[in-house]
C-alpha cells in the first residue's frame, strides 16, 4: 500500500463522517503534516474551540473575500468553526469572527 492510498482513504472517510480533510502545505515550514482534518464541532463545544482555533482570510484594506472564498468559509462555519476576513491590523473581537 502506498502513502497516497492511505491519504485518499482518509479524505473519503473524513467526508463520510461529515468533515473536511484539507491538503496542508506550509511553504515556509518543512515537515508539516499532510492533512488537516476538520470534523463537525458539537454545538456545546463551539465556544471552547473558538478560543483556540479560527480561520482568518487576510485581505488588503477594503477588499472582500471572493465568492469562492465565501463558499469555503460557509463550509467551515457549517462545521462550527470561526472564520473571519481581516483587512486591518486589528485583532477581531470574540464573537465578531
C-alpha atoms as a PDB file:
ATOM      1  CA  UNK A   1       0.000   0.000   0.000  1.00  0.00           C
ATOM      2  CA  UNK A   2       1.267   3.464  -0.866  1.00  0.00           C
ATOM      3  CA  UNK A   3       1.075   6.666   1.159  1.00  0.00           C
ATOM      4  CA  UNK A   4      -1.310   8.141  -1.418  1.00  0.00           C
ATOM      5  CA  UNK A   5      -3.689   5.204  -0.829  1.00  0.00           C
ATOM      6  CA  UNK A   6      -3.784   5.938   2.891  1.00  0.00           C
ATOM      7  CA  UNK A   7      -4.280   9.648   2.245  1.00  0.00           C
ATOM      8  CA  UNK A   8      -7.065   9.025  -0.287  1.00  0.00           C
ATOM      9  CA  UNK A   9      -8.826   6.752   2.210  1.00  0.00           C
ATOM     10  CA  UNK A  10      -8.504   9.458   4.888  1.00  0.00           C
ATOM     11  CA  UNK A  11     -10.156  12.045   2.624  1.00  0.00           C
ATOM     12  CA  UNK A  12     -13.069   9.729   1.791  1.00  0.00           C
ATOM     13  CA  UNK A  13     -13.523   8.574   5.399  1.00  0.00           C
ATOM     14  CA  UNK A  14     -13.439  12.159   6.690  1.00  0.00           C
ATOM     15  CA  UNK A  15     -16.131  13.151   4.178  1.00  0.00           C
ATOM     16  CA  UNK A  16     -18.206  10.104   5.151  1.00  0.00           C
ATOM     17  CA  UNK A  17     -18.077  11.384   8.731  1.00  0.00           C
ATOM     18  CA  UNK A  18     -19.265  14.833   7.569  1.00  0.00           C
ATOM     19  CA  UNK A  19     -15.907  16.586   7.740  1.00  0.00           C
ATOM     20  CA  UNK A  20     -13.245  18.092   5.516  1.00  0.00           C
ATOM     21  CA  UNK A  21      -9.662  16.850   5.043  1.00  0.00           C
ATOM     22  CA  UNK A  22      -7.724  19.770   3.589  1.00  0.00           C
ATOM     23  CA  UNK A  23      -4.360  19.153   1.953  1.00  0.00           C
ATOM     24  CA  UNK A  24      -1.993  21.039   4.210  1.00  0.00           C
ATOM     25  CA  UNK A  25       1.171  22.738   2.972  1.00  0.00           C
ATOM     26  CA  UNK A  26       3.295  25.409   4.513  1.00  0.00           C
ATOM     27  CA  UNK A  27       5.998  26.714   2.166  1.00  0.00           C
ATOM     28  CA  UNK A  28       7.840  28.474   4.983  1.00  0.00           C
ATOM     29  CA  UNK A  29       7.820  25.441   7.266  1.00  0.00           C
ATOM     30  CA  UNK A  30       9.079  21.974   6.435  1.00  0.00           C
ATOM     31  CA  UNK A  31       7.756  18.689   7.781  1.00  0.00           C
ATOM     32  CA  UNK A  32       4.178  19.792   8.469  1.00  0.00           C
ATOM     33  CA  UNK A  33       1.514  17.037   8.429  1.00  0.00           C
ATOM     34  CA  UNK A  34      -0.108  16.131   5.109  1.00  0.00           C
ATOM     35  CA  UNK A  35      -3.756  16.775   6.002  1.00  0.00           C
ATOM     36  CA  UNK A  36      -5.791  18.995   8.295  1.00  0.00           C
ATOM     37  CA  UNK A  37      -8.892  17.018   9.313  1.00  0.00           C
ATOM     38  CA  UNK A  38     -11.878  19.072  10.451  1.00  0.00           C
ATOM     39  CA  UNK A  39     -14.918  17.338  11.880  1.00  0.00           C
ATOM     40  CA  UNK A  40     -18.181  18.925  12.978  1.00  0.00           C
ATOM     41  CA  UNK A  41     -17.919  20.583  16.384  1.00  0.00           C
ATOM     42  CA  UNK A  42     -20.856  19.807  18.690  1.00  0.00           C
ATOM     43  CA  UNK A  43     -22.876  22.952  19.438  1.00  0.00           C
ATOM     44  CA  UNK A  44     -21.992  22.857  23.151  1.00  0.00           C
ATOM     45  CA  UNK A  45     -18.239  22.796  22.402  1.00  0.00           C
ATOM     46  CA  UNK A  46     -18.046  25.556  19.802  1.00  0.00           C
ATOM     47  CA  UNK A  47     -17.258  28.398  22.212  1.00  0.00           C
ATOM     48  CA  UNK A  48     -14.359  26.459  23.708  1.00  0.00           C
ATOM     49  CA  UNK A  49     -12.924  25.533  20.301  1.00  0.00           C
ATOM     50  CA  UNK A  50     -13.278  29.152  19.110  1.00  0.00           C
ATOM     51  CA  UNK A  51     -10.956  30.293  21.919  1.00  0.00           C
ATOM     52  CA  UNK A  52      -8.143  28.277  20.358  1.00  0.00           C
ATOM     53  CA  UNK A  53      -8.919  27.704  16.671  1.00  0.00           C
ATOM     54  CA  UNK A  54     -10.138  30.059  13.983  1.00  0.00           C
ATOM     55  CA  UNK A  55      -9.599  30.616  10.295  1.00  0.00           C
ATOM     56  CA  UNK A  56      -8.572  34.026   9.003  1.00  0.00           C
ATOM     57  CA  UNK A  57      -8.701  35.316   5.437  1.00  0.00           C
ATOM     58  CA  UNK A  58      -6.252  38.232   5.186  1.00  0.00           C
ATOM     59  CA  UNK A  59      -7.154  40.974   2.710  1.00  0.00           C
ATOM     60  CA  UNK A  60      -5.846  44.403   1.770  1.00  0.00           C
ATOM     61  CA  UNK A  61      -7.802  47.242   3.427  1.00  0.00           C
ATOM     62  CA  UNK A  62     -11.304  47.498   1.994  1.00  0.00           C
ATOM     63  CA  UNK A  63     -11.026  44.285  -0.026  1.00  0.00           C
ATOM     64  CA  UNK A  64     -13.585  41.493   0.369  1.00  0.00           C
ATOM     65  CA  UNK A  65     -13.417  37.730   0.085  1.00  0.00           C
ATOM     66  CA  UNK A  66     -14.220  36.298  -3.321  1.00  0.00           C
ATOM     67  CA  UNK A  67     -17.413  34.324  -3.862  1.00  0.00           C
ATOM     68  CA  UNK A  68     -15.399  31.078  -3.889  1.00  0.00           C
ATOM     69  CA  UNK A  69     -13.695  32.038  -0.628  1.00  0.00           C
ATOM     70  CA  UNK A  70     -17.056  32.902   0.945  1.00  0.00           C
ATOM     71  CA  UNK A  71     -18.411  29.472  -0.051  1.00  0.00           C
ATOM     72  CA  UNK A  72     -15.432  27.800   1.628  1.00  0.00           C
ATOM     73  CA  UNK A  73     -15.873  29.978   4.726  1.00  0.00           C
ATOM     74  CA  UNK A  74     -19.504  28.831   4.914  1.00  0.00           C
ATOM     75  CA  UNK A  75     -18.424  25.178   4.724  1.00  0.00           C
ATOM     76  CA  UNK A  76     -16.185  25.784   7.733  1.00  0.00           C
ATOM     77  CA  UNK A  77     -18.846  27.734   9.628  1.00  0.00           C
ATOM     78  CA  UNK A  78     -21.352  24.938   8.973  1.00  0.00           C
ATOM     79  CA  UNK A  79     -18.949  22.609  10.800  1.00  0.00           C
ATOM     80  CA  UNK A  80     -18.868  25.060  13.712  1.00  0.00           C
ATOM     81  CA  UNK A  81     -15.549  26.842  13.120  1.00  0.00           C
ATOM     82  CA  UNK A  82     -14.972  30.568  13.399  1.00  0.00           C
ATOM     83  CA  UNK A  83     -13.956  32.295  10.156  1.00  0.00           C
ATOM     84  CA  UNK A  84     -13.214  35.988   9.704  1.00  0.00           C
ATOM     85  CA  UNK A  85     -11.996  38.206   6.906  1.00  0.00           C
ATOM     86  CA  UNK A  86      -9.372  40.614   8.215  1.00  0.00           C
ATOM     87  CA  UNK A  87      -8.453  43.778   6.309  1.00  0.00           C
ATOM     88  CA  UNK A  88      -6.593  45.644   9.053  1.00  0.00           C
ATOM     89  CA  UNK A  89      -4.111  45.100  11.854  1.00  0.00           C
ATOM     90  CA  UNK A  90      -6.894  44.975  14.472  1.00  0.00           C
ATOM     91  CA  UNK A  91      -7.396  41.712  16.352  1.00  0.00           C
ATOM     92  CA  UNK A  92     -11.011  40.589  15.838  1.00  0.00           C
ATOM     93  CA  UNK A  93     -13.106  40.675  18.986  1.00  0.00           C
ATOM     94  CA  UNK A  94     -14.616  37.426  20.186  1.00  0.00           C
ATOM     95  CA  UNK A  95     -17.993  36.811  18.574  1.00  0.00           C
ATOM     96  CA  UNK A  96     -17.307  39.076  15.569  1.00  0.00           C
ATOM     97  CA  UNK A  97     -15.434  36.470  13.557  1.00  0.00           C
END
